[in-house]
Protein backbone atom coordinates (compact mmCIF):
# COMPACT_ATOMS: atom_id res chain seq x y z
CA MET A 1 8.56 30.65 -10.73
CA ILE A 2 10.90 27.79 -11.65
CA GLU A 3 13.79 28.75 -13.99
CA GLY A 4 14.89 26.42 -16.78
CA SER A 5 18.24 25.71 -15.10
CA MET A 6 16.45 24.70 -11.90
CA LEU A 7 14.13 22.32 -13.77
CA ARG A 8 17.16 20.88 -15.56
CA ASP A 9 18.94 20.30 -12.23
CA ALA A 10 15.81 18.81 -10.69
CA PHE A 11 15.47 16.26 -13.52
CA ILE A 12 19.20 15.40 -13.30
CA SER A 13 18.91 14.95 -9.52
CA ALA A 14 15.85 12.73 -9.98
CA ALA A 15 17.68 10.53 -12.51
CA HIS A 16 20.65 10.13 -10.11
CA SER A 17 18.36 9.46 -7.13
CA ILE A 18 16.48 6.60 -8.76
CA ALA A 19 19.73 5.12 -10.09
CA ASN A 20 21.21 5.20 -6.59
CA GLN A 21 18.16 3.56 -5.06
CA LYS A 22 17.14 1.18 -7.89
CA LYS A 23 18.19 -1.94 -5.96
CA SER A 24 15.85 -1.17 -3.07
CA VAL A 25 13.02 -0.59 -5.54
CA ASP A 26 13.83 -3.83 -7.38
CA GLU A 27 13.55 -5.73 -4.12
CA LEU A 28 9.91 -4.65 -3.76
CA ASN A 29 8.86 -6.74 -6.75
CA VAL A 30 6.46 -9.32 -5.45
CA PHE A 31 6.92 -11.90 -8.19
CA PRO A 32 10.09 -13.92 -7.54
CA VAL A 33 10.77 -14.67 -11.22
CA PRO A 34 13.96 -12.99 -12.54
CA ASP A 35 12.82 -10.20 -14.84
CA GLY A 36 13.48 -6.62 -15.92
CA ASP A 37 12.87 -5.24 -12.43
CA THR A 38 10.96 -1.99 -11.87
CA GLY A 39 13.76 0.01 -10.28
CA THR A 40 16.19 -0.90 -12.98
CA ASN A 41 13.76 -0.12 -15.77
CA ILE A 42 12.78 3.28 -14.33
CA SER A 43 16.44 4.10 -13.68
CA MET A 44 17.49 3.25 -17.24
CA THR A 45 14.55 5.23 -18.62
CA MET A 46 15.42 8.34 -16.59
CA GLY A 47 19.13 7.94 -17.29
CA ASN A 48 18.54 8.17 -21.00
CA ALA A 49 17.97 11.94 -20.61
CA LEU A 50 21.17 12.68 -18.68
CA PRO A 51 23.55 13.20 -21.62
CA GLU A 52 21.38 15.92 -23.12
CA LEU A 53 20.42 17.52 -19.83
CA ASN A 54 24.03 17.81 -18.79
CA LYS A 55 24.83 19.77 -21.95
CA MET A 56 22.23 22.48 -21.24
CA LYS A 57 23.38 25.97 -20.23
CA ASP A 58 22.00 27.91 -17.31
CA THR A 59 20.12 30.19 -19.76
CA VAL A 60 17.94 27.33 -21.00
CA GLU A 61 14.17 27.78 -20.90
CA VAL A 62 11.82 25.32 -19.17
CA SER A 63 10.14 24.49 -22.49
CA GLU A 64 13.43 23.20 -23.90
CA VAL A 65 14.27 21.21 -20.74
CA ALA A 66 10.84 19.58 -20.68
CA LYS A 67 10.88 18.80 -24.46
CA THR A 68 14.35 17.24 -24.20
CA MET A 69 13.35 15.21 -21.15
CA ALA A 70 10.18 13.93 -22.75
CA SER A 71 11.87 12.94 -25.98
CA ALA A 72 14.75 11.12 -24.25
CA LEU A 73 12.45 9.24 -21.88
CA LEU A 74 10.08 8.19 -24.61
CA ARG A 75 12.92 6.69 -26.64
CA GLY A 76 14.69 5.21 -23.66
CA ALA A 77 11.57 3.77 -21.99
CA ARG A 78 12.04 0.17 -20.80
CA GLY A 79 9.40 -2.08 -19.32
CA ASN A 80 5.90 -1.02 -18.34
CA SER A 81 7.17 1.09 -15.40
CA GLY A 82 9.60 2.93 -17.64
CA VAL A 83 6.94 3.68 -20.25
CA ILE A 84 4.53 5.04 -17.62
CA THR A 85 7.32 7.20 -16.14
CA SER A 86 8.10 8.60 -19.63
CA LEU A 87 4.42 9.45 -20.13
CA ILE A 88 4.29 11.31 -16.86
CA PHE A 89 7.11 13.55 -17.96
CA ARG A 90 5.66 13.97 -21.42
CA GLY A 91 2.96 15.90 -19.55
CA PHE A 92 5.59 18.49 -18.59
CA SER A 93 6.52 18.96 -22.23
CA LYS A 94 2.94 19.66 -23.27
CA ALA A 95 2.24 22.05 -20.41
CA LEU A 96 5.48 23.99 -20.75
CA SER A 97 5.55 24.32 -24.52
CA GLY A 98 6.78 27.82 -25.47
CA LYS A 99 7.36 28.92 -21.84
CA LYS A 100 10.51 30.40 -20.33
CA LYS A 101 9.63 29.69 -16.70
CA MET A 102 7.29 27.30 -14.87
CA SER A 103 4.53 28.69 -12.64
CA ALA A 104 2.55 26.86 -10.01
CA GLU A 105 -0.33 26.49 -12.51
CA ASP A 106 2.09 25.05 -15.08
CA LEU A 107 3.34 22.50 -12.58
CA VAL A 108 -0.18 21.36 -11.79
CA VAL A 109 -1.16 21.09 -15.45
CA SER A 110 2.07 19.20 -16.18
CA LEU A 111 1.16 16.57 -13.58
CA GLU A 112 -2.44 16.36 -14.84
CA ASN A 113 -1.26 15.90 -18.41
CA GLY A 114 1.07 13.16 -17.24
CA VAL A 115 -1.77 11.35 -15.41
CA ASN A 116 -3.99 11.49 -18.52
CA GLY A 117 -1.25 10.14 -20.79
CA ALA A 118 -0.32 7.35 -18.40
CA TYR A 119 -3.89 6.12 -17.88
CA LYS A 120 -4.65 6.20 -21.61
CA SER A 121 -1.60 4.06 -22.35
CA VAL A 122 -2.76 1.16 -20.14
CA MET A 123 -5.64 -0.95 -21.50
CA LYS A 124 -6.83 -2.00 -18.07
CA PRO A 125 -5.42 0.42 -15.47
CA THR A 126 -4.76 -1.26 -12.09
CA GLU A 127 -5.17 0.82 -8.94
CA GLY A 128 -2.62 0.30 -6.18
CA THR A 129 0.21 0.95 -8.65
CA ILE A 130 2.30 3.90 -9.89
CA LEU A 131 -0.87 5.08 -11.63
CA THR A 132 -2.69 5.61 -8.35
CA VAL A 133 0.30 7.40 -6.85
CA VAL A 134 0.62 9.88 -9.68
CA ARG A 135 -3.16 10.44 -9.99
CA GLU A 136 -3.68 11.22 -6.34
CA SER A 137 -0.57 13.42 -6.31
CA ALA A 138 -1.85 15.44 -9.22
CA GLU A 139 -5.25 15.79 -7.53
CA LYS A 140 -3.49 17.09 -4.41
CA ALA A 141 -1.54 19.55 -6.54
CA ARG A 142 -4.77 20.98 -7.98
CA GLU A 143 -6.27 21.26 -4.53
CA THR A 144 -3.21 23.06 -3.17
CA LEU A 145 -3.23 25.51 -6.05
CA HIS A 146 -6.40 27.06 -4.56
CA THR A 147 -4.35 28.37 -1.59
CA THR A 148 -0.86 29.08 -3.01
CA ASN A 149 1.00 30.13 -6.15
CA ASP A 150 4.34 28.79 -4.92
CA PRO A 151 5.58 25.76 -7.00
CA CYS A 152 7.75 24.70 -4.02
CA VAL A 153 4.78 24.48 -1.68
CA ILE A 154 2.84 22.53 -4.27
CA MET A 155 5.69 20.11 -4.84
CA ASP A 156 5.93 19.66 -1.08
CA GLU A 157 2.27 18.62 -0.98
CA VAL A 158 2.73 16.42 -4.04
CA CYS A 159 5.51 14.48 -2.30
CA ALA A 160 3.54 14.16 0.90
CA GLN A 161 0.51 12.83 -0.99
CA ALA A 162 2.66 10.47 -3.07
CA ALA A 163 4.11 8.99 0.10
CA ARG A 164 0.61 8.53 1.60
CA SER A 165 -0.69 7.00 -1.60
CA LEU A 166 2.27 4.64 -1.71
CA GLU A 167 1.57 3.40 1.81
CA GLU A 168 -2.00 2.70 0.80
CA THR A 169 -1.14 0.55 -2.21
CA PRO A 170 -1.22 -2.76 -0.25
CA LYS A 171 -4.85 -2.04 0.57
CA LEU A 172 -5.65 -1.91 -3.11
CA LEU A 173 -3.57 -4.87 -4.25
CA PRO A 174 -3.85 -8.07 -2.10
CA ALA A 175 -0.57 -9.42 -3.51
CA LEU A 176 1.29 -6.45 -2.06
CA ALA A 177 -0.40 -6.88 1.31
CA LYS A 178 0.45 -10.57 1.44
CA ALA A 179 4.09 -9.88 0.63
CA GLY A 180 4.21 -7.01 3.08
CA VAL A 181 5.53 -4.47 0.52
CA VAL A 182 4.37 -1.33 -1.30
CA ASP A 183 4.18 -0.96 -5.05
CA ALA A 184 7.61 -0.82 -6.65
CA GLY A 185 6.62 1.60 -9.44
CA GLY A 186 4.96 3.93 -6.93
CA LYS A 187 8.10 3.84 -4.79
CA GLY A 188 10.20 4.79 -7.78
CA LEU A 189 7.97 7.72 -8.49
CA VAL A 190 8.13 8.95 -4.88
CA ILE A 191 11.97 8.91 -5.07
CA ILE A 192 11.80 10.98 -8.29
CA PHE A 193 9.29 13.49 -6.95
CA GLU A 194 11.24 13.98 -3.73
CA ALA A 195 14.45 14.68 -5.65
CA ILE A 196 12.68 17.28 -7.80
CA ARG A 197 11.17 18.93 -4.74
CA ASP A 198 14.54 19.17 -2.96
CA VAL A 199 16.12 21.01 -5.90
CA PHE A 200 13.10 23.32 -6.20
CA LYS A 201 13.68 24.23 -2.49
CA GLY A 202 17.31 25.05 -3.02
CA GLY A 203 18.88 21.68 -2.26
CA ALA A 204 21.97 20.33 -4.01
CA VAL A 205 21.75 18.03 -7.02
CA VAL A 206 22.13 14.42 -5.95
CA GLU A 207 25.35 12.90 -7.29
CA ALA A 208 25.44 9.54 -8.98
CA GLN A 209 26.97 6.83 -6.82
CA GLN A 210 29.62 4.48 -8.05
CA ALA A 211 28.26 0.97 -8.63
CA GLU A 212 29.17 -1.43 -5.87
CA LYS A 213 31.57 -4.10 -7.01
CA LYS A 214 30.21 -7.59 -6.40
CA LYS A 215 32.28 -10.55 -5.35
CA VAL A 216 32.76 -12.86 -8.34
CA THR A 217 31.83 -16.50 -7.77
CA VAL A 218 31.70 -19.52 -10.04
CA GLU A 219 27.98 -18.84 -10.50
CA THR A 220 28.38 -15.13 -11.35
CA PHE A 221 31.45 -15.63 -13.50
CA ALA A 222 29.65 -15.12 -16.81
CA SER A 223 28.16 -11.74 -15.83
CA ALA A 224 31.48 -10.58 -14.49
CA VAL A 225 33.18 -11.52 -17.76
CA GLY A 226 30.48 -9.62 -19.64
CA GLU A 227 31.57 -6.37 -17.99
CA PHE A 228 34.75 -6.45 -20.08
CA ASP A 229 33.13 -6.80 -23.50
CA GLU A 230 34.01 -3.29 -24.70
CA GLU A 231 37.61 -3.16 -23.38
CA ILE A 232 40.05 -4.05 -26.19
CA THR A 233 43.54 -3.26 -24.99
CA PHE A 234 44.65 -6.78 -25.79
CA THR A 235 43.42 -8.74 -28.79
CA TYR A 236 42.37 -12.20 -27.57
CA CYS A 237 39.61 -12.94 -25.10
CA THR A 238 40.68 -16.22 -23.53
CA GLU A 239 38.52 -18.39 -21.26
CA MET A 240 39.00 -21.85 -19.83
CA LEU A 241 37.67 -24.22 -17.22
CA ILE A 242 40.29 -26.05 -15.17
CA THR A 243 39.55 -29.23 -13.25
CA LYS A 244 41.91 -29.00 -10.29
CA LYS A 245 44.71 -31.49 -9.69
CA PRO A 246 44.80 -33.09 -6.22
CA ASP A 247 47.88 -31.01 -5.35
CA CYS A 248 46.64 -27.86 -7.09
CA ALA A 249 48.53 -24.68 -6.15
CA ASP A 250 46.79 -21.58 -4.86
CA PRO A 251 44.77 -20.11 -7.81
CA THR A 252 45.85 -16.60 -6.76
CA LYS A 253 49.25 -17.52 -8.29
CA LEU A 254 47.51 -18.13 -11.63
CA ARG A 255 45.80 -14.74 -11.36
CA ALA A 256 49.13 -13.03 -10.60
CA TYR A 257 50.72 -14.57 -13.70
CA LEU A 258 47.85 -13.71 -15.97
CA GLU A 259 47.96 -10.09 -14.92
CA THR A 260 51.52 -9.93 -16.24
CA ILE A 261 50.45 -10.95 -19.76
CA GLY A 262 47.04 -9.26 -20.09
CA ASP A 263 44.19 -7.42 -18.40
CA CYS A 264 40.51 -7.91 -17.45
CA VAL A 265 41.56 -10.97 -15.42
CA VAL A 266 38.88 -12.97 -13.62
CA VAL A 267 39.90 -16.12 -11.78
CA VAL A 268 37.39 -17.82 -9.48
CA ASP A 269 37.39 -21.26 -7.98
CA ASP A 270 35.57 -23.70 -5.81
CA GLU A 271 36.53 -27.12 -4.54
CA GLU A 272 36.82 -28.78 -7.92
CA ILE A 273 37.23 -26.20 -10.70
CA ILE A 274 38.84 -22.91 -11.61
CA LYS A 275 37.20 -20.59 -14.10
CA VAL A 276 39.50 -18.21 -15.98
CA HIS A 277 38.96 -15.19 -18.15
CA VAL A 278 41.76 -12.89 -19.49
CA HIS A 279 42.37 -10.49 -22.36
CA THR A 280 45.88 -11.15 -23.69
CA ASN A 281 48.06 -11.14 -26.84
CA ASP A 282 49.46 -14.57 -25.76
CA PRO A 283 46.52 -17.00 -25.27
CA GLY A 284 48.87 -19.96 -25.59
CA LYS A 285 50.85 -18.81 -22.51
CA ALA A 286 47.61 -18.46 -20.53
CA ILE A 287 46.52 -22.01 -21.36
CA GLN A 288 50.02 -23.42 -20.77
CA LYS A 289 50.05 -21.82 -17.31
CA GLY A 290 46.55 -23.18 -16.60
CA LEU A 291 47.83 -26.73 -17.21
CA GLU A 292 50.04 -26.40 -14.16
CA PHE A 293 46.90 -26.23 -11.99
CA GLY A 294 44.89 -29.06 -13.55
CA TYR A 295 43.15 -30.35 -16.66
CA ILE A 296 41.86 -27.85 -19.26
CA ASN A 297 38.23 -28.10 -20.39
CA LEU A 298 36.27 -25.92 -22.84
CA PRO A 299 39.01 -23.46 -23.78
CA LYS A 300 37.75 -20.54 -25.87
CA ILE A 301 39.87 -17.94 -27.70
CA GLU A 302 38.21 -15.07 -29.57
CA ASN A 303 39.71 -12.17 -31.54
CA MET A 304 37.95 -9.24 -29.95
CA LYS A 305 39.10 -6.67 -32.52
CA LEU A 306 37.59 -8.69 -35.33
CA GLN A 307 34.46 -9.29 -33.31
CA HIS A 308 34.13 -5.59 -32.53
CA GLU A 309 34.50 -4.64 -36.18
CA ALA A 310 31.96 -7.25 -37.21
CA LYS A 311 29.57 -6.08 -34.50
CA GLN A 312 29.83 -2.45 -35.64
CA GLN A 313 29.17 -3.56 -39.20
CA GLU A 314 26.22 -5.67 -38.10
CA VAL A 315 24.71 -2.73 -36.22
CA LYS A 316 25.09 -0.51 -39.26
CA GLN A 317 23.46 -3.09 -41.49
CA GLN A 318 20.74 -4.01 -39.06
CA PHE A 319 19.49 -0.66 -37.88
CA VAL A 320 19.97 1.72 -40.79
CA PRO A 321 16.51 2.97 -41.81
CA ALA A 322 15.45 1.05 -44.89
CA LYS A 323 13.25 2.04 -47.78
CA PRO A 324 10.20 -0.24 -48.23
CA GLU A 325 10.83 -3.00 -50.76
CA LYS A 326 7.92 -5.23 -49.82
CA GLN A 327 4.51 -4.93 -48.22
CA TYR A 328 5.06 -6.76 -44.90
CA GLY A 329 7.98 -6.96 -42.49
CA PHE A 330 8.48 -8.45 -39.04
CA VAL A 331 10.38 -7.56 -35.84
CA ALA A 332 10.68 -9.99 -32.95
CA VAL A 333 12.18 -9.58 -29.49
CA ALA A 334 14.16 -12.67 -28.51
CA ALA A 335 17.28 -13.97 -26.79
CA GLY A 336 19.12 -17.19 -27.48
CA ASN A 337 20.84 -18.26 -30.73
CA GLY A 338 18.41 -21.12 -31.36
CA ILE A 339 15.30 -19.01 -30.85
CA GLU A 340 16.66 -16.15 -32.92
CA ALA A 341 17.48 -18.54 -35.78
CA MET A 342 13.97 -20.04 -35.63
CA PHE A 343 12.34 -16.61 -35.92
CA ARG A 344 14.55 -15.78 -38.93
CA ASP A 345 13.73 -19.12 -40.52
CA ILE A 346 9.97 -18.41 -40.35
CA GLY A 347 10.27 -14.94 -41.82
CA VAL A 348 11.29 -12.40 -39.17
CA ASP A 349 13.40 -9.62 -40.70
CA CYS A 350 14.93 -8.06 -37.56
CA ILE A 351 15.63 -9.44 -34.10
CA VAL A 352 15.81 -7.14 -31.08
CA LYS A 353 17.86 -8.93 -28.46
CA GLY A 354 15.94 -8.97 -25.21
CA GLY A 355 13.34 -10.59 -22.99
CA GLN A 356 13.31 -11.35 -19.28
CA THR A 357 15.97 -9.33 -17.43
CA MET A 358 16.77 -7.57 -20.70
CA ASN A 359 13.84 -5.32 -21.58
CA PRO A 360 14.77 -3.38 -24.74
CA SER A 361 13.98 0.31 -24.98
CA THR A 362 11.47 1.95 -27.24
CA GLU A 363 14.39 3.28 -29.25
CA ASP A 364 15.81 -0.22 -29.70
CA ILE A 365 12.50 -1.46 -31.09
CA LEU A 366 12.03 1.67 -33.25
CA ALA A 367 15.45 1.20 -34.85
CA ALA A 368 14.54 -2.39 -35.74
CA ILE A 369 11.17 -1.32 -37.18
CA GLU A 370 12.80 1.33 -39.40
CA SER A 371 15.42 -1.15 -40.57
CA CYS A 372 12.71 -3.42 -41.98
CA PRO A 373 12.38 -2.90 -45.74
CA ALA A 374 8.58 -2.99 -45.57
CA GLU A 375 5.56 -0.69 -45.74
CA ILE A 376 3.83 -2.42 -42.83
CA VAL A 377 5.75 -3.95 -39.89
CA PHE A 378 4.37 -6.44 -37.39
CA VAL A 379 6.13 -6.38 -33.99
CA LEU A 380 6.25 -9.44 -31.74
CA PRO A 381 7.30 -8.32 -28.21
CA ASN A 382 7.10 -11.86 -26.85
CA ASN A 383 7.03 -10.61 -23.25
CA LYS A 384 4.29 -8.78 -21.34
CA ASN A 385 6.79 -6.24 -19.97
CA ILE A 386 7.89 -5.21 -23.47
CA ILE A 387 4.50 -4.64 -25.10
CA MET A 388 4.09 -1.05 -23.86
CA ALA A 389 7.56 -0.02 -25.01
CA ALA A 390 6.76 -1.50 -28.46
CA GLU A 391 3.49 0.41 -28.60
CA GLN A 392 5.32 3.67 -27.91
CA ALA A 393 7.54 2.99 -30.93
CA VAL A 394 4.42 2.96 -33.15
CA LYS A 395 3.99 6.70 -32.55
CA LEU A 396 7.55 7.44 -33.66
CA ALA A 397 7.90 5.13 -36.64
CA ASP A 398 8.01 6.36 -40.23
CA ARG A 399 5.77 3.51 -41.45
CA LYS A 400 2.67 1.59 -40.41
CA VAL A 401 3.28 -0.65 -37.40
CA CYS A 402 1.10 -3.28 -35.73
CA VAL A 403 2.18 -4.58 -32.30
CA LEU A 404 0.76 -8.06 -31.70
CA GLN A 405 0.09 -8.90 -28.04
CA THR A 406 2.55 -11.80 -27.88
CA ARG A 407 3.58 -12.42 -24.25
CA THR A 408 5.75 -15.49 -24.80
CA ILE A 409 8.17 -16.87 -27.38
CA PRO A 410 5.80 -19.72 -28.39
CA GLN A 411 3.02 -17.19 -28.97
CA GLY A 412 5.30 -15.18 -31.21
CA MET A 413 6.23 -18.22 -33.24
CA SER A 414 2.58 -19.32 -33.66
CA ALA A 415 1.62 -15.81 -34.75
CA MET A 416 4.38 -15.82 -37.39
CA LEU A 417 3.33 -19.23 -38.72
CA ALA A 418 -0.23 -17.97 -39.15
CA PHE A 419 0.85 -15.12 -41.46
CA ASP A 420 -0.53 -15.36 -45.01
CA PRO A 421 1.43 -13.26 -47.57
CA ASP A 422 -1.63 -13.24 -49.86
CA ALA A 423 -4.02 -11.90 -47.25
CA ASP A 424 -4.58 -8.22 -46.48
CA PHE A 425 -3.45 -6.46 -43.31
CA ASN A 426 -6.70 -6.78 -41.34
CA ALA A 427 -7.05 -10.47 -42.15
CA ASN A 428 -3.48 -11.18 -41.10
CA ARG A 429 -3.80 -9.24 -37.89
CA LYS A 430 -6.91 -11.21 -36.98
CA GLU A 431 -5.49 -14.63 -37.89
CA MET A 432 -2.13 -14.01 -36.19
CA THR A 433 -3.93 -12.85 -33.06
CA ASN A 434 -6.18 -15.91 -33.11
CA ALA A 435 -3.15 -18.16 -33.47
CA LEU A 436 -1.25 -16.73 -30.54
CA GLU A 437 -4.29 -17.00 -28.31
CA LYS A 438 -4.57 -20.76 -28.93
CA VAL A 439 -1.10 -21.47 -27.59
CA SER A 440 -0.57 -22.70 -24.04
CA THR A 441 2.87 -21.72 -22.85
CA GLY A 442 4.86 -23.17 -20.01
CA SER A 443 8.15 -21.82 -18.82
CA VAL A 444 10.62 -23.12 -16.27
CA THR A 445 13.02 -20.79 -14.42
CA PHE A 446 14.37 -20.20 -10.95
CA ALA A 447 13.36 -18.05 -8.00
CA ALA A 448 15.43 -14.87 -7.89
CA ARG A 449 14.48 -14.15 -4.24
CA ASP A 450 12.65 -15.64 -1.26
CA SER A 451 8.95 -15.01 -1.52
CA ASP A 452 5.53 -15.98 -0.27
CA PHE A 453 3.50 -15.87 -3.43
CA ASP A 454 0.11 -17.25 -4.38
CA GLY A 455 0.11 -19.78 -1.60
CA HIS A 456 3.66 -20.93 -2.25
CA ALA A 457 6.50 -20.41 0.25
CA ILE A 458 9.32 -19.96 -2.23
CA LYS A 459 13.06 -20.07 -1.47
CA LYS A 460 15.67 -18.41 -3.63
CA GLY A 461 17.03 -20.82 -6.24
CA GLU A 462 14.03 -23.16 -6.29
CA ILE A 463 12.60 -24.17 -9.68
CA LEU A 464 9.51 -22.22 -10.68
CA CYS A 465 7.06 -23.43 -13.31
CA MET A 466 4.79 -20.91 -15.04
CA GLU A 467 1.61 -21.84 -16.85
CA ASN A 468 0.49 -19.06 -19.22
CA GLY A 469 2.23 -16.47 -17.08
CA LYS A 470 0.92 -17.69 -13.72
CA LEU A 471 2.84 -19.64 -11.13
CA SER A 472 1.85 -23.30 -11.47
CA LEU A 473 4.23 -25.26 -9.24
CA VAL A 474 7.48 -25.05 -7.34
CA GLU A 475 10.04 -27.87 -7.45
CA ARG A 476 13.62 -28.55 -6.53
CA ASP A 477 14.42 -31.00 -9.33
CA LEU A 478 14.56 -29.41 -12.80
CA GLN A 479 13.73 -32.58 -14.79
CA LYS A 480 10.77 -33.38 -12.58
CA ALA A 481 9.51 -29.81 -12.73
CA ALA A 482 9.57 -29.64 -16.54
CA TYR A 483 7.81 -32.98 -16.90
CA LYS A 484 5.07 -32.07 -14.40
CA LEU A 485 4.48 -28.76 -16.14
CA THR A 486 4.20 -30.41 -19.54
CA LYS A 487 1.56 -32.84 -18.21
CA LYS A 488 -0.47 -29.89 -16.83
CA LEU A 489 -0.33 -28.02 -20.16
CA VAL A 490 -1.53 -30.94 -22.31
CA LYS A 491 -5.31 -30.96 -22.71
CA GLY A 492 -7.72 -33.31 -24.46
CA ASP A 493 -7.57 -31.46 -27.80
CA SER A 494 -3.78 -30.96 -27.81
CA SER A 495 -1.72 -32.47 -30.58
CA PHE A 496 1.60 -30.59 -30.73
CA ILE A 497 4.25 -30.18 -28.04
CA THR A 498 7.38 -28.12 -28.52
CA ILE A 499 10.20 -28.05 -25.96
CA LEU A 500 12.74 -25.24 -26.25
CA TYR A 501 15.68 -25.75 -23.88
CA GLY A 502 17.92 -22.97 -22.67
CA ALA A 503 21.60 -22.17 -22.33
CA ASP A 504 21.85 -23.70 -18.88
CA VAL A 505 20.42 -27.11 -19.91
CA THR A 506 22.70 -29.80 -21.33
CA ASP A 507 21.79 -31.67 -24.52
CA GLU A 508 21.68 -34.88 -22.50
CA ALA A 509 19.18 -33.47 -19.95
CA ALA A 510 16.96 -32.07 -22.68
CA GLU A 511 17.00 -35.38 -24.55
CA ALA A 512 16.04 -37.22 -21.34
CA LEU A 513 13.02 -34.92 -20.92
CA TYR A 514 12.08 -35.42 -24.58
CA LYS A 515 12.09 -39.21 -24.14
CA GLN A 516 10.02 -38.97 -20.93
CA VAL A 517 7.42 -36.74 -22.58
CA SER A 518 7.36 -38.89 -25.77
CA ALA A 519 6.68 -42.00 -23.71
CA LYS A 520 3.76 -40.31 -21.97
CA PHE A 521 2.16 -38.64 -24.99
CA VAL A 522 2.58 -41.22 -27.76
CA ASN A 523 -0.11 -39.67 -29.97
CA HIS A 524 1.36 -36.17 -29.97
CA GLU A 525 3.86 -34.65 -32.31
CA ILE A 526 6.80 -33.56 -30.12
CA ASN A 527 9.68 -31.31 -31.13
CA LEU A 528 12.84 -30.68 -29.12
CA ILE A 529 14.78 -27.53 -30.01
CA ASN A 530 17.92 -25.99 -28.60
CA GLY A 531 16.69 -22.42 -28.03
CA GLY A 532 19.78 -21.27 -26.16
CA GLN A 533 17.72 -18.74 -24.17
CA PRO A 534 19.08 -17.29 -20.90
CA VAL A 535 17.26 -17.29 -17.55
CA TYR A 536 14.62 -19.81 -18.62
CA TYR A 537 15.60 -23.50 -18.56
CA TYR A 538 12.64 -24.47 -20.73
CA TYR A 539 9.88 -22.95 -22.78
CA ILE A 540 7.13 -25.52 -23.43
CA SER A 541 4.50 -24.89 -26.06
CA VAL A 542 1.31 -26.94 -26.40
CA GLU A 543 -1.19 -26.55 -29.24
């Protein structure tokens, strides 16, 4: 029999194990587009349970451990892989309800319940994924139960079967075979199962590893700066870009000085520029010192204490559950000031910040739903990897919720524009769905890794063009790539083209693309909008 304290430790060890190995799981993702990778999503989902698990005493019963785990994972689920993982562990909660200890039979039923929940959550289950791994593992557990009543022996067989199933995934999914990898979600589950088994067999709980510090470069400067957002020892966040003088001194001297007047110092340089970030009470001194090294461009000084207070107030205002004051409300997932503003302009009540690389959790979406002052809330996920997390929020919400299957930002906008305040719920759901299905969406981003995908030999950093979610072409020139993609999207019955340009595209470059497209499609209505989105250089919508 498995005691509650052992199940608690097994779950903690599993969460630490997947966190420690998430990078290796992320690297199994076949698609080279930067996204909310599998290992990261599963790790963040599992990690959501750690605060509550760590509080539990040794006298805890298995029912309480399983219930706590299931609730935390459901709310913290991110991405499709995270949602499926949460559903697998919800099976434990159902099987162990009211029980002090877990028997071999309970373990088997827990796994079977998890399989049933996971398969039901996916509209079109794909074999060769985490679903196959968990299903075959549960089947092996049932088979083993005929010969033993020892949960440790059963978990041993579960892990062995999970490993075999994982190795077979390339035979079921050609994309995996071509890339020479196994399924990432399945790999994550194997890591989790093995950590649980080891604790059941008397092994120590795996400790969480310290995150490896990455070398900061000019390219990674922004993400390095972001790590300091919550540290407010000094008041002013000061950033600047310095164009080096011909006789520029060693930038390490600038770093040394800044560390005497503040903290959170980041100074990186290449042949021509120096990027600077510092938290200080004397921003003028920082800028004055910077002038000794070259010419100052784009200085930015922000009062972090005021920002922090405003952010806290915004969170309170945005996510406090609201009483219904109207019939319909809207939640959209988006990133980028321009895109967020557009959604608000066309009627969206609450924005959940997220998208590619930033998959919000079920709890994030739930909080936004319950902050909508409406009886019925439509949710626009605007990303295929966020739809499942949004659908889990439906079950937890205190009001009626409809998740529309928007997979892109342009689909979300078209769905919103089709809403009729005078129509009933069913009519609106139908018309909004019809509208989103008529939109052709192009997106332009970069390859996050080397890959051989769909006939394309892709190198890290190359420009990737997606046509309705599928890889369309690979280019090295951004302007040429965006123009080619737009031409492919435009069909004979098209009349509207919308170009949303991202944070990494200059106004001048976007305007040049706009003029090029306008000259080609003189009979189309063409709109150019500064979306400000991260990761994606362009979103192109054609209707």
